[in-house]
Protein backbone atom coordinates (compact mmCIF):
# COMPACT_ATOMS: atom_id res chain seq x y z
CA UNK A 1 -40.04 -27.74 31.71
CA UNK A 2 -36.61 -26.82 29.11
CA UNK A 3 -35.04 -23.57 29.17
CA UNK A 4 -37.27 -22.65 25.94
CA UNK A 5 -40.14 -23.16 27.52
CA UNK A 6 -39.55 -21.49 30.56
CA UNK A 7 -38.77 -18.27 28.55
CA UNK A 8 -41.66 -17.95 26.91
CA UNK A 9 -43.91 -18.54 30.02
CA UNK A 10 -42.11 -15.85 31.63
CA UNK A 11 -42.59 -13.42 28.46
CA UNK A 12 -46.12 -14.56 28.36
CA UNK A 13 -46.72 -13.54 32.44
CA UNK A 14 -44.79 -10.38 31.88
CA UNK A 15 -47.18 -9.63 29.07
CA UNK A 16 -50.46 -10.50 30.82
CA UNK A 17 -49.22 -8.18 33.64
CA UNK A 18 -48.69 -5.28 31.53
CA UNK A 19 -51.95 -5.69 29.99
CA UNK A 20 -53.54 -5.65 33.41
CA UNK A 21 -51.46 -2.28 34.11
CA UNK A 22 -53.02 -0.69 30.81
CA UNK A 23 -56.52 -2.08 31.58
CA UNK A 24 -56.98 -4.51 28.34
CA UNK A 25 -56.08 -7.95 27.58
CA UNK A 26 -52.91 -8.83 25.76
CA UNK A 27 -54.86 -10.69 23.01
CA UNK A 28 -56.70 -7.09 22.14
CA UNK A 29 -53.13 -5.24 21.20
CA UNK A 30 -52.12 -5.46 17.29
CA UNK A 31 -48.56 -7.29 17.09
CA UNK A 32 -45.89 -4.83 17.16
CA UNK A 33 -44.45 -6.42 14.34
CA UNK A 34 -47.73 -6.48 12.55
CA UNK A 35 -49.05 -3.05 12.47
CA UNK A 36 -46.50 -1.10 10.25
CA UNK A 37 -47.05 -4.20 7.60
CA UNK A 38 -51.10 -3.54 8.00
CA UNK A 39 -50.44 -0.07 7.23
CA UNK A 40 -48.18 -0.34 4.39
CA UNK A 41 -50.48 -2.91 2.58
CA UNK A 42 -53.29 -0.68 2.94
CA UNK A 43 -51.46 2.31 1.32
CA UNK A 44 -50.68 0.25 -1.57
CA UNK A 45 -54.19 -0.63 -1.75
CA UNK A 46 -55.55 2.75 -1.71
CA UNK A 47 -52.61 4.05 -4.34
CA UNK A 48 -53.32 1.04 -6.50
CA UNK A 49 -57.00 1.70 -6.51
CA UNK A 50 -56.37 5.80 -7.43
CA UNK A 51 -53.82 4.86 -10.26
CA UNK A 52 -56.85 2.43 -11.94
CA UNK A 53 -59.41 5.44 -11.07
CA UNK A 54 -57.20 7.55 -13.11
CA UNK A 55 -55.93 5.65 -15.91
CA UNK A 56 -59.70 4.56 -16.34
CA UNK A 57 -60.79 8.26 -16.78
CA UNK A 58 -58.08 8.74 -19.21
CA UNK A 59 -58.98 6.33 -21.34
CA UNK A 60 -62.58 7.26 -21.13
CA UNK A 61 -61.56 10.88 -22.62
CA UNK A 62 -59.42 9.37 -25.38
CA UNK A 63 -61.89 6.86 -26.40
CA UNK A 64 -64.63 9.72 -26.41
CA UNK A 65 -63.00 12.76 -28.55
CA UNK A 66 -64.06 12.97 -32.14
CA UNK A 67 -61.72 11.58 -34.56
CA UNK A 68 -59.79 14.63 -36.37
CA UNK A 69 -59.49 14.47 -40.19
CA UNK A 70 -55.95 13.80 -41.12
CA UNK A 71 -55.64 15.88 -44.10
CA UNK A 72 -57.28 18.52 -46.11
CA UNK A 73 -61.01 18.08 -46.43
CA UNK A 74 -63.25 18.53 -50.03
CA UNK A 75 -66.27 19.93 -49.85
CA UNK A 76 -68.02 19.52 -52.74
CA UNK A 77 -72.02 20.37 -51.97
CA UNK A 78 -71.54 24.07 -52.29
CA UNK A 79 -69.80 25.33 -55.75
CA UNK A 80 -69.16 24.27 -59.08
CA UNK A 81 -65.71 23.28 -58.46
CA UNK A 82 -64.71 21.45 -54.93
CA UNK A 83 -63.15 23.61 -52.29
CA UNK A 84 -60.14 21.93 -50.48
CA UNK A 85 -60.05 23.34 -47.21
CA UNK A 86 -57.70 22.68 -44.09
CA UNK A 87 -59.35 20.63 -41.50
CA UNK A 88 -58.41 23.07 -38.39
CA UNK A 89 -60.45 26.12 -39.71
CA UNK A 90 -63.50 23.87 -39.68
CA UNK A 91 -65.50 24.60 -36.75
CA UNK A 92 -66.39 20.81 -35.78
CA UNK A 93 -63.02 19.00 -36.98
CA UNK A 94 -64.65 15.60 -35.59
CA UNK A 95 -67.53 16.18 -38.35
CA UNK A 96 -65.36 18.35 -41.06
CA UNK A 97 -66.30 15.66 -43.76
CA UNK A 98 -70.11 15.25 -42.54
CA UNK A 99 -70.94 18.99 -42.96
CA UNK A 100 -74.58 20.07 -43.01
CA UNK A 101 -75.89 19.84 -46.47
CA UNK A 102 -75.42 23.30 -47.98
CA UNK A 103 -73.35 24.87 -45.21
CA UNK A 104 -69.80 25.36 -43.84
CA UNK A 105 -69.26 26.51 -40.34
CA UNK A 106 -65.29 27.65 -40.62
CA UNK A 107 -63.16 30.02 -38.27
CA UNK A 108 -60.37 31.32 -40.67
CA UNK A 109 -57.06 32.83 -39.01
CA UNK A 110 -56.72 36.35 -40.45
CA UNK A 111 -53.15 35.97 -41.17
CA UNK A 112 -54.43 33.11 -44.10
CA UNK A 113 -56.47 35.59 -45.44
CA UNK A 114 -54.28 38.64 -45.50
CA UNK A 115 -50.81 37.30 -45.56
CA UNK A 116 -50.31 39.67 -42.66
CA UNK A 117 -49.09 38.46 -38.76
CA UNK A 118 -52.43 39.08 -37.55
CA UNK A 119 -53.53 37.57 -34.89
CA UNK A 120 -57.26 36.44 -34.42
CA UNK A 121 -60.29 34.23 -36.31
CA UNK A 122 -62.61 35.05 -39.24
CA UNK A 123 -65.91 33.22 -38.09
CA UNK A 124 -67.18 32.18 -41.69
CA UNK A 125 -70.40 30.74 -42.29
CA UNK A 126 -70.42 29.23 -45.87
CA UNK A 127 -73.94 28.68 -47.97
CA UNK A 128 -75.45 28.78 -51.37
CA UNK A 129 -76.15 32.44 -52.16
CA UNK A 130 -80.16 32.31 -53.01
CA UNK A 131 -80.96 32.96 -56.91
CA UNK A 132 -82.83 36.01 -56.67
CA UNK A 133 -82.37 39.57 -58.12
CA UNK A 134 -79.74 42.00 -56.35
CA UNK A 135 -81.06 43.17 -52.96
CA UNK A 136 -80.73 46.30 -51.46
CA UNK A 137 -77.47 48.15 -50.92
CA UNK A 138 -76.74 48.16 -46.86
CA UNK A 139 -77.03 51.70 -46.73
CA UNK A 140 -80.35 51.49 -48.06
CA UNK A 141 -81.58 48.75 -46.15
CA UNK A 142 -80.64 50.52 -43.16
CA UNK A 143 -81.21 53.69 -44.14
CA UNK A 144 -84.98 54.24 -41.28
CA UNK A 145 -82.72 53.15 -38.81
CA UNK A 146 -79.70 55.84 -39.12
CA UNK A 147 -78.75 59.08 -37.88
CA UNK A 148 -77.84 61.91 -40.62
CA UNK A 149 -73.97 61.58 -39.42
CA UNK A 150 -72.02 60.24 -41.80
CA UNK A 151 -67.60 59.89 -40.62
CA UNK A 152 -65.39 58.91 -43.33
CA UNK A 153 -62.15 56.29 -42.10
CA UNK A 154 -58.67 56.46 -43.55
CA UNK A 155 -59.32 52.82 -44.15
CA UNK A 156 -61.64 53.60 -46.96
CA UNK A 157 -65.21 53.10 -44.58
CA UNK A 158 -68.00 55.29 -43.81
CA UNK A 159 -69.29 55.30 -40.22
CA UNK A 160 -73.15 55.65 -39.93
CA UNK A 161 -75.05 55.94 -36.49
CA UNK A 162 -78.03 53.72 -35.50
CA UNK A 163 -80.70 55.97 -33.93
CA UNK A 164 -81.71 55.06 -30.38
CA UNK A 165 -84.81 52.86 -30.04
CA UNK A 166 -84.24 51.22 -33.34
CA UNK A 167 -83.74 47.16 -33.61
CA UNK A 168 -79.79 48.25 -33.80
CA UNK A 169 -79.09 50.94 -31.45
CA UNK A 170 -75.72 50.03 -29.56
CA UNK A 171 -74.11 49.46 -32.94
CA UNK A 172 -72.61 51.32 -35.80
CA UNK A 173 -72.52 50.52 -39.67
CA UNK A 174 -69.42 50.79 -41.53
CA UNK A 175 -70.02 50.90 -45.36
CA UNK A 176 -67.40 50.67 -48.26
CA UNK A 177 -67.75 52.74 -51.59
CA UNK A 178 -70.82 54.75 -50.12
CA UNK A 179 -73.66 52.36 -50.33
CA UNK A 180 -71.78 49.20 -48.96
CA UNK A 181 -72.47 47.01 -51.76
CA UNK A 182 -68.63 45.50 -51.82
CA UNK A 183 -68.76 45.49 -48.16
CA UNK A 184 -70.75 46.75 -44.81
CA UNK A 185 -70.64 45.65 -41.11
CA UNK A 186 -72.44 46.20 -38.39
CA UNK A 187 -70.51 46.11 -35.16
CA UNK A 188 -71.50 46.49 -31.11
CA UNK A 189 -70.24 49.98 -30.02
CA UNK A 190 -70.22 48.77 -26.25
CA UNK A 191 -68.81 45.68 -24.10
CA UNK A 192 -69.88 42.09 -25.87
CA UNK A 193 -69.50 38.92 -24.57
CA UNK A 194 -67.21 38.05 -27.36
CA UNK A 195 -65.34 40.59 -28.34
CA UNK A 196 -63.62 38.40 -31.49
CA UNK A 197 -67.46 38.70 -33.09
CA UNK A 198 -68.31 42.45 -32.49
CA UNK A 199 -68.67 42.75 -36.14
CA UNK A 200 -71.51 41.00 -38.16
CA UNK A 201 -70.66 41.23 -41.87
CA UNK A 202 -72.72 39.51 -44.90
CA UNK A 203 -70.88 39.68 -48.22
CA UNK A 204 -71.74 37.42 -51.58
CA UNK A 205 -68.74 35.71 -53.53
CA UNK A 206 -69.50 34.11 -56.37
CA UNK A 207 -72.61 31.46 -55.93
CA UNK A 208 -71.75 31.91 -52.01
CA UNK A 209 -73.20 33.65 -49.30
CA UNK A 210 -70.71 34.44 -46.67
CA UNK A 211 -71.93 35.20 -43.04
CA UNK A 212 -68.86 36.83 -41.35
CA UNK A 213 -68.19 37.09 -37.35
CA UNK A 214 -65.12 39.32 -36.48
CA UNK A 215 -63.25 41.61 -34.04
CA UNK A 216 -63.55 45.05 -34.39
CA UNK A 217 -59.91 45.60 -34.12
CA UNK A 218 -59.90 43.87 -37.95
CA UNK A 219 -61.95 46.70 -39.42
CA UNK A 220 -58.87 48.19 -41.23
CA UNK A 221 -57.89 45.11 -42.73
CA UNK A 222 -61.47 44.52 -44.58
CA UNK A 223 -59.88 44.83 -47.68
CA UNK A 224 -57.00 42.40 -47.46
CA UNK A 225 -59.24 39.75 -45.40
CA UNK A 226 -62.16 40.53 -48.22
CA UNK A 227 -59.58 39.53 -51.12
CA UNK A 228 -58.39 36.74 -49.11
CA UNK A 229 -62.01 35.30 -49.10
CA UNK A 230 -62.42 35.99 -52.89
CA UNK A 231 -59.46 33.62 -53.45
CA UNK A 232 -60.60 31.21 -51.58
CA UNK A 233 -64.27 30.57 -52.57
CA UNK A 234 -63.75 32.62 -55.65
CA UNK A 235 -65.09 31.11 -59.23
């Protein structure tokens, strides 16, 4: 037997003796040199799988997002002259060019309406105004639900309170110019789920009926806001 074979046989004998001492055969023990390599391979495979799943999720989210219009949106179904409005104002920007016939839903920054640095949005639903006689003024429409109390405010509005037990309990009515024919709004008096939509107003501008939702904090800016709506939607 040559020196090399003798050395190999000696190592094998030592491994057998060591395995017998710890209670298992040498063939069952992992190779010292191979074990770290196996761990590195498993770790690399796990990281590769996680990266693939993450990339797949990002691609799916990108493909599912609605396409945003690149420029202004032209609406020609509501008024005699086309309305050119920023795409960012549309509540559903992905379908801004395919709005519901006869209706558009917008969220207009107060800054754009008034020219002043006011945070928040006015939500506007614009539809064709019905071709009927002028409706009752808000003061007359709600008269049977109101208390006798009337409180003038410095911003040109009159605040009226609804009686308890009426359908409008928990709201106040704000009227401009007495009867509220130019502007009127109902605003919640207590906490509401969406403070930015605590007030509801309906105004007519040209051939359009505008349903407005906004924060009660913006009531003092009602005149400037209405002027901005008339500038945008008026004939």
